[in-house]
PDB file of N, CA and C in Angstrom:
ATOM      1  N   MET A   1     -26.490  19.333   1.319  1.00  0.00           N
ATOM      2  CA  MET A   1     -25.277  19.231   0.520  1.00  0.00           C
ATOM      3  C   MET A   1     -24.184  18.553   1.355  1.00  0.00           C
ATOM      4  N   ALA A   2     -23.566  17.561   0.796  1.00  0.00           N
ATOM      5  CA  ALA A   2     -22.517  16.822   1.491  1.00  0.00           C
ATOM      6  C   ALA A   2     -21.221  17.616   1.523  1.00  0.00           C
ATOM      7  N   LEU A   3     -20.542  17.525   2.649  1.00  0.00           N
ATOM      8  CA  LEU A   3     -19.241  18.190   2.764  1.00  0.00           C
ATOM      9  C   LEU A   3     -18.186  17.506   1.920  1.00  0.00           C
ATOM     10  N   PHE A   4     -18.242  16.186   1.901  1.00  0.00           N
ATOM     11  CA  PHE A   4     -17.238  15.421   1.158  1.00  0.00           C
ATOM     12  C   PHE A   4     -17.946  14.584   0.108  1.00  0.00           C
ATOM     13  N   LYS A   5     -17.484  14.679  -1.095  1.00  0.00           N
ATOM     14  CA  LYS A   5     -18.041  13.868  -2.162  1.00  0.00           C
ATOM     15  C   LYS A   5     -17.246  12.579  -2.266  1.00  0.00           C
ATOM     16  N   LYS A   6     -17.934  11.492  -2.457  1.00  0.00           N
ATOM     17  CA  LYS A   6     -17.249  10.220  -2.678  1.00  0.00           C
ATOM     18  C   LYS A   6     -16.713  10.228  -4.102  1.00  0.00           C
ATOM     19  N   ARG A   7     -15.415  10.038  -4.206  1.00  0.00           N
ATOM     20  CA  ARG A   7     -14.792  10.033  -5.523  1.00  0.00           C
ATOM     21  C   ARG A   7     -14.903   8.650  -6.119  1.00  0.00           C
ATOM     22  N   THR A   8     -15.628   8.553  -7.199  1.00  0.00           N
ATOM     23  CA  THR A   8     -15.838   7.244  -7.812  1.00  0.00           C
ATOM     24  C   THR A   8     -14.910   7.005  -8.996  1.00  0.00           C
ATOM     25  N   VAL A   9     -14.389   8.077  -9.562  1.00  0.00           N
ATOM     26  CA  VAL A   9     -13.509   7.939 -10.713  1.00  0.00           C
ATOM     27  C   VAL A   9     -12.162   8.531 -10.367  1.00  0.00           C
ATOM     28  N   GLY A  10     -11.122   7.783 -10.636  1.00  0.00           N
ATOM     29  CA  GLY A  10      -9.781   8.261 -10.342  1.00  0.00           C
ATOM     30  C   GLY A  10      -9.254   9.195 -11.401  1.00  0.00           C
ATOM     31  N   LYS A  11      -8.182   9.836 -11.060  1.00  0.00           N
ATOM     32  CA  LYS A  11      -7.511  10.701 -12.021  1.00  0.00           C
ATOM     33  C   LYS A  11      -6.721   9.824 -12.990  1.00  0.00           C
ATOM     34  N   PRO A  12      -6.654  10.202 -14.251  1.00  0.00           N
ATOM     35  CA  PRO A  12      -5.810   9.446 -15.174  1.00  0.00           C
ATOM     36  C   PRO A  12      -4.363   9.441 -14.660  1.00  0.00           C
ATOM     37  N   GLY A  13      -3.758   8.291 -14.682  1.00  0.00           N
ATOM     38  CA  GLY A  13      -2.386   8.175 -14.224  1.00  0.00           C
ATOM     39  C   GLY A  13      -2.248   7.780 -12.769  1.00  0.00           C
ATOM     40  N   GLU A  14      -3.351   7.659 -12.038  1.00  0.00           N
ATOM     41  CA  GLU A  14      -3.309   7.153 -10.665  1.00  0.00           C
ATOM     42  C   GLU A  14      -3.508   5.644 -10.720  1.00  0.00           C
ATOM     43  N   TRP A  15      -2.544   4.914 -10.221  1.00  0.00           N
ATOM     44  CA  TRP A  15      -2.613   3.456 -10.273  1.00  0.00           C
ATOM     45  C   TRP A  15      -2.647   2.889  -8.866  1.00  0.00           C
ATOM     46  N   TYR A  16      -3.419   1.828  -8.694  1.00  0.00           N
ATOM     47  CA  TYR A  16      -3.579   1.170  -7.402  1.00  0.00           C
ATOM     48  C   TYR A  16      -3.432  -0.335  -7.582  1.00  0.00           C
ATOM     49  N   TYR A  17      -3.105  -1.019  -6.482  1.00  0.00           N
ATOM     50  CA  TYR A  17      -3.092  -2.477  -6.491  1.00  0.00           C
ATOM     51  C   TYR A  17      -4.169  -2.933  -5.523  1.00  0.00           C
ATOM     52  N   CYS A  18      -5.153  -3.662  -6.016  1.00  0.00           N
ATOM     53  CA  CYS A  18      -6.247  -4.165  -5.196  1.00  0.00           C
ATOM     54  C   CYS A  18      -5.818  -5.470  -4.528  1.00  0.00           C
ATOM     55  N   LEU A  19      -5.836  -5.474  -3.195  1.00  0.00           N
ATOM     56  CA  LEU A  19      -5.425  -6.647  -2.427  1.00  0.00           C
ATOM     57  C   LEU A  19      -6.467  -7.768  -2.492  1.00  0.00           C
ATOM     58  N   GLU A  20      -7.730  -7.402  -2.642  1.00  0.00           N
ATOM     59  CA  GLU A  20      -8.792  -8.402  -2.686  1.00  0.00           C
ATOM     60  C   GLU A  20      -8.845  -9.123  -4.031  1.00  0.00           C
ATOM     61  N   HIS A  21      -8.748  -8.351  -5.112  1.00  0.00           N
ATOM     62  CA  HIS A  21      -8.856  -8.930  -6.450  1.00  0.00           C
ATOM     63  C   HIS A  21      -7.504  -9.274  -7.071  1.00  0.00           C
ATOM     64  N   LYS A  22      -6.418  -8.870  -6.403  1.00  0.00           N
ATOM     65  CA  LYS A  22      -5.051  -9.149  -6.871  1.00  0.00           C
ATOM     66  C   LYS A  22      -4.836  -8.613  -8.285  1.00  0.00           C
ATOM     67  N   LYS A  23      -5.248  -7.339  -8.484  1.00  0.00           N
ATOM     68  CA  LYS A  23      -5.082  -6.750  -9.807  1.00  0.00           C
ATOM     69  C   LYS A  23      -4.762  -5.272  -9.704  1.00  0.00           C
ATOM     70  N   VAL A  24      -4.206  -4.747 -10.773  1.00  0.00           N
ATOM     71  CA  VAL A  24      -3.879  -3.329 -10.884  1.00  0.00           C
ATOM     72  C   VAL A  24      -5.101  -2.598 -11.424  1.00  0.00           C
ATOM     73  N   GLU A  25      -5.381  -1.429 -10.829  1.00  0.00           N
ATOM     74  CA  GLU A  25      -6.526  -0.631 -11.255  1.00  0.00           C
ATOM     75  C   GLU A  25      -6.071   0.787 -11.538  1.00  0.00           C
ATOM     76  N   GLU A  26      -6.631   1.384 -12.568  1.00  0.00           N
ATOM     77  CA  GLU A  26      -6.380   2.803 -12.802  1.00  0.00           C
ATOM     78  C   GLU A  26      -7.523   3.563 -12.141  1.00  0.00           C
ATOM     79  N   GLY A  27      -7.163   4.381 -11.184  1.00  0.00           N
ATOM     80  CA  GLY A  27      -8.179   5.078 -10.398  1.00  0.00           C
ATOM     81  C   GLY A  27      -8.687   4.169  -9.300  1.00  0.00           C
ATOM     82  N   PRO A  28      -9.293   4.758  -8.272  1.00  0.00           N
ATOM     83  CA  PRO A  28      -9.762   3.927  -7.160  1.00  0.00           C
ATOM     84  C   PRO A  28     -11.065   3.211  -7.500  1.00  0.00           C
ATOM     85  N   GLU A  29     -10.982   1.936  -7.778  1.00  0.00           N
ATOM     86  CA  GLU A  29     -12.175   1.140  -8.052  1.00  0.00           C
ATOM     87  C   GLU A  29     -12.666   0.449  -6.787  1.00  0.00           C
ATOM     88  N   CYS A  30     -11.743  -0.015  -5.960  1.00  0.00           N
ATOM     89  CA  CYS A  30     -12.093  -0.738  -4.744  1.00  0.00           C
ATOM     90  C   CYS A  30     -11.909   0.182  -3.526  1.00  0.00           C
ATOM     91  N   PRO A  31     -12.498  -0.195  -2.375  1.00  0.00           N
ATOM     92  CA  PRO A  31     -12.376   0.628  -1.169  1.00  0.00           C
ATOM     93  C   PRO A  31     -10.918   0.785  -0.718  1.00  0.00           C
ATOM     94  N   ASN A  32     -10.655   1.876  -0.002  1.00  0.00           N
ATOM     95  CA  ASN A  32      -9.304   2.162   0.501  1.00  0.00           C
ATOM     96  C   ASN A  32      -8.712   0.992   1.276  1.00  0.00           C
ATOM     97  N   LYS A  33      -9.531   0.333   2.082  1.00  0.00           N
ATOM     98  CA  LYS A  33      -9.030  -0.747   2.930  1.00  0.00           C
ATOM     99  C   LYS A  33      -8.504  -1.939   2.131  1.00  0.00           C
ATOM    100  N   ASP A  34      -8.855  -2.018   0.852  1.00  0.00           N
ATOM    101  CA  ASP A  34      -8.477  -3.159   0.028  1.00  0.00           C
ATOM    102  C   ASP A  34      -7.415  -2.842  -1.013  1.00  0.00           C
ATOM    103  N   ARG A  35      -6.729  -1.700  -0.882  1.00  0.00           N
ATOM    104  CA  ARG A  35      -5.785  -1.365  -1.941  1.00  0.00           C
ATOM    105  C   ARG A  35      -4.542  -0.647  -1.425  1.00  0.00           C
ATOM    106  N   PHE A  36      -3.481  -0.755  -2.208  1.00  0.00           N
ATOM    107  CA  PHE A  36      -2.242   0.005  -2.021  1.00  0.00           C
ATOM    108  C   PHE A  36      -2.204   1.060  -3.106  1.00  0.00           C
ATOM    109  N   GLY A  37      -1.648   2.208  -2.795  1.00  0.00           N
ATOM    110  CA  GLY A  37      -1.480   3.242  -3.815  1.00  0.00           C
ATOM    111  C   GLY A  37      -1.897   4.589  -3.301  1.00  0.00           C
ATOM    112  N   PRO A  38      -1.835   5.580  -4.130  1.00  0.00           N
ATOM    113  CA  PRO A  38      -1.625   5.521  -5.570  1.00  0.00           C
ATOM    114  C   PRO A  38      -0.153   5.411  -5.947  1.00  0.00           C
ATOM    115  N   TYR A  39       0.083   4.841  -7.095  1.00  0.00           N
ATOM    116  CA  TYR A  39       1.415   4.721  -7.679  1.00  0.00           C
ATOM    117  C   TYR A  39       1.474   5.572  -8.938  1.00  0.00           C
ATOM    118  N   ALA A  40       2.674   5.965  -9.308  1.00  0.00           N
ATOM    119  CA  ALA A  40       2.870   6.843 -10.457  1.00  0.00           C
ATOM    120  C   ALA A  40       2.690   6.121 -11.795  1.00  0.00           C
ATOM    121  N   SER A  41       2.883   4.799 -11.802  1.00  0.00           N
ATOM    122  CA  SER A  41       2.786   4.064 -13.061  1.00  0.00           C
ATOM    123  C   SER A  41       2.142   2.695 -12.842  1.00  0.00           C
ATOM    124  N   ARG A  42       1.676   2.126 -13.921  1.00  0.00           N
ATOM    125  CA  ARG A  42       1.087   0.784 -13.882  1.00  0.00           C
ATOM    126  C   ARG A  42       2.132  -0.237 -13.414  1.00  0.00           C
ATOM    127  N   GLU A  43       3.352  -0.102 -13.906  1.00  0.00           N
ATOM    128  CA  GLU A  43       4.426  -1.030 -13.549  1.00  0.00           C
ATOM    129  C   GLU A  43       4.730  -0.988 -12.054  1.00  0.00           C
ATOM    130  N   GLU A  44       4.735   0.216 -11.495  1.00  0.00           N
ATOM    131  CA  GLU A  44       4.998   0.361 -10.067  1.00  0.00           C
ATOM    132  C   GLU A  44       3.890  -0.312  -9.253  1.00  0.00           C
ATOM    133  N   ALA A  45       2.643  -0.159  -9.681  1.00  0.00           N
ATOM    134  CA  ALA A  45       1.517  -0.798  -9.004  1.00  0.00           C
ATOM    135  C   ALA A  45       1.586  -2.322  -9.137  1.00  0.00           C
ATOM    136  N   GLN A  46       2.073  -2.817 -10.275  1.00  0.00           N
ATOM    137  CA  GLN A  46       2.192  -4.264 -10.473  1.00  0.00           C
ATOM    138  C   GLN A  46       3.173  -4.882  -9.483  1.00  0.00           C
ATOM    139  N   HIS A  47       4.119  -4.097  -9.008  1.00  0.00           N
ATOM    140  CA  HIS A  47       5.135  -4.592  -8.073  1.00  0.00           C
ATOM    141  C   HIS A  47       4.840  -4.192  -6.628  1.00  0.00           C
ATOM    142  N   ALA A  48       3.591  -3.828  -6.349  1.00  0.00           N
ATOM    143  CA  ALA A  48       3.215  -3.358  -5.014  1.00  0.00           C
ATOM    144  C   ALA A  48       3.512  -4.396  -3.929  1.00  0.00           C
ATOM    145  N   MET A  49       3.211  -5.644  -4.181  1.00  0.00           N
ATOM    146  CA  MET A  49       3.445  -6.678  -3.165  1.00  0.00           C
ATOM    147  C   MET A  49       4.933  -6.906  -2.946  1.00  0.00           C
ATOM    148  N   ASP A  50       5.730  -6.827  -4.004  1.00  0.00           N
ATOM    149  CA  ASP A  50       7.188  -6.950  -3.853  1.00  0.00           C
ATOM    150  C   ASP A  50       7.733  -5.795  -3.025  1.00  0.00           C
ATOM    151  N   THR A  51       7.244  -4.590  -3.301  1.00  0.00           N
ATOM    152  CA  THR A  51       7.679  -3.410  -2.562  1.00  0.00           C
ATOM    153  C   THR A  51       7.311  -3.547  -1.089  1.00  0.00           C
ATOM    154  N   ALA A  52       6.101  -3.994  -0.805  1.00  0.00           N
ATOM    155  CA  ALA A  52       5.664  -4.178   0.581  1.00  0.00           C
ATOM    156  C   ALA A  52       6.520  -5.236   1.277  1.00  0.00           C
ATOM    157  N   ARG A  53       6.815  -6.322   0.583  1.00  0.00           N
ATOM    158  CA  ARG A  53       7.638  -7.389   1.152  1.00  0.00           C
ATOM    159  C   ARG A  53       9.041  -6.870   1.487  1.00  0.00           C
ATOM    160  N   GLU A  54       9.621  -6.090   0.573  1.00  0.00           N
ATOM    161  CA  GLU A  54      10.960  -5.526   0.800  1.00  0.00           C
ATOM    162  C   GLU A  54      10.958  -4.560   1.981  1.00  0.00           C
ATOM    163  N   ARG A  55       9.931  -3.723   2.065  1.00  0.00           N
ATOM    164  CA  ARG A  55       9.849  -2.764   3.178  1.00  0.00           C
ATOM    165  C   ARG A  55       9.644  -3.477   4.507  1.00  0.00           C
ATOM    166  N   ASN A  56       8.847  -4.535   4.520  1.00  0.00           N
ATOM    167  CA  ASN A  56       8.659  -5.311   5.748  1.00  0.00           C
ATOM    168  C   ASN A  56       9.961  -5.943   6.199  1.00  0.00           C
ATOM    169  N   LEU A  57      10.720  -6.481   5.256  1.00  0.00           N
ATOM    170  CA  LEU A  57      11.993  -7.094   5.584  1.00  0.00           C
ATOM    171  C   LEU A  57      12.968  -6.049   6.139  1.00  0.00           C
ATOM    172  N   GLU A  58      13.000  -4.874   5.522  1.00  0.00           N
ATOM    173  CA  GLU A  58      13.858  -3.799   6.026  1.00  0.00           C
ATOM    174  C   GLU A  58      13.473  -3.431   7.450  1.00  0.00           C
ATOM    175  N   TRP A  59      12.187  -3.332   7.715  1.00  0.00           N
ATOM    176  CA  TRP A  59      11.724  -2.977   9.055  1.00  0.00           C
ATOM    177  C   TRP A  59      12.075  -4.066  10.063  1.00  0.00           C
ATOM    178  N   GLU A  60      11.870  -5.330   9.678  1.00  0.00           N
ATOM    179  CA  GLU A  60      12.145  -6.445  10.580  1.00  0.00           C
ATOM    180  C   GLU A  60      13.619  -6.569  10.913  1.00  0.00           C
ATOM    181  N   THR A  61      14.490  -6.137  10.017  1.00  0.00           N
ATOM    182  CA  THR A  61      15.932  -6.264  10.247  1.00  0.00           C
ATOM    183  C   THR A  61      16.585  -4.945  10.634  1.00  0.00           C
ATOM    184  N   ASP A  62      15.809  -3.892  10.842  1.00  0.00           N
ATOM    185  CA  ASP A  62      16.347  -2.582  11.223  1.00  0.00           C
ATOM    186  C   ASP A  62      16.714  -2.599  12.701  1.00  0.00           C
ATOM    187  N   PRO A  63      17.996  -2.433  13.022  1.00  0.00           N
ATOM    188  CA  PRO A  63      18.413  -2.481  14.429  1.00  0.00           C
ATOM    189  C   PRO A  63      17.816  -1.348  15.264  1.00  0.00           C
ATOM    190  N   ASN A  64      17.410  -0.267  14.648  1.00  0.00           N
ATOM    191  CA  ASN A  64      16.808   0.837  15.391  1.00  0.00           C
ATOM    192  C   ASN A  64      15.429   0.488  15.938  1.00  0.00           C
ATOM    193  N   TRP A  65      14.790  -0.545  15.393  1.00  0.00           N
ATOM    194  CA  TRP A  65      13.457  -0.927  15.840  1.00  0.00           C
ATOM    195  C   TRP A  65      13.473  -2.116  16.792  1.00  0.00           C
ATOM    196  N   HIS A  66      14.635  -2.629  17.070  1.00  0.00           N
ATOM    197  CA  HIS A  66      14.723  -3.798  17.951  1.00  0.00           C
ATOM    198  C   HIS A  66      15.663  -3.482  19.098  1.00  0.00           C
ATOM    199  N   ASP A  67      15.098  -3.355  20.285  1.00  0.00           N
ATOM    200  CA  ASP A  67      15.880  -3.035  21.476  1.00  0.00           C
ATOM    201  C   ASP A  67      16.500  -4.316  22.012  1.00  0.00           C
ATOM    202  N   LYS A  68      17.799  -4.450  21.845  1.00  0.00           N
ATOM    203  CA  LYS A  68      18.491  -5.670  22.264  1.00  0.00           C
ATOM    204  C   LYS A  68      18.748  -5.700  23.760  1.00  0.00           C
ATOM    205  N   SER A  69      18.536  -4.584  24.449  1.00  0.00           N
ATOM    206  CA  SER A  69      18.810  -4.548  25.890  1.00  0.00           C
ATOM    207  C   SER A  69      17.711  -5.205  26.709  1.00  0.00           C
ATOM    208  N   SER A  70      16.505  -5.346  26.163  1.00  0.00           N
ATOM    209  CA  SER A  70      15.441  -5.976  26.927  1.00  0.00           C
ATOM    210  C   SER A  70      15.330  -7.464  26.542  1.00  0.00           C
ATOM    211  N   PRO A  71      15.105  -8.316  27.552  1.00  0.00           N
ATOM    212  CA  PRO A  71      15.002  -9.754  27.272  1.00  0.00           C
ATOM    213  C   PRO A  71      13.757 -10.082  26.471  1.00  0.00           C
ATOM    214  N   PRO A  72      13.802 -11.180  25.690  1.00  0.00           N
ATOM    215  CA  PRO A  72      12.642 -11.576  24.896  1.00  0.00           C
ATOM    216  C   PRO A  72      11.426 -11.803  25.797  1.00  0.00           C
ATOM    217  N   GLY A  73      10.274 -11.426  25.275  1.00  0.00           N
ATOM    218  CA  GLY A  73       9.039 -11.617  26.022  1.00  0.00           C
ATOM    219  C   GLY A  73       8.639 -10.408  26.831  1.00  0.00           C
ATOM    220  N   ASP A  74       9.471  -9.381  26.895  1.00  0.00           N
ATOM    221  CA  ASP A  74       9.118  -8.168  27.641  1.00  0.00           C
ATOM    222  C   ASP A  74       8.348  -7.214  26.807  1.00  0.00           C
TER     223      ASP A  74
END
């Protein structure tokens, strides 16, 4: 008997964005490594790449993550 069962069918209302197929999926259809989520709604999953882009920009411009006291290249 397996300790962990592979979940092949998602719960209704769980939405994911598949990075490989560039599509929204209800329930986990593709492997974890190829998707973002879960999201609460289909619309939220449709905007997954926009959300990731915005979060990356926030991180790149966050002064708390960039130590200005050390010279470039260190």
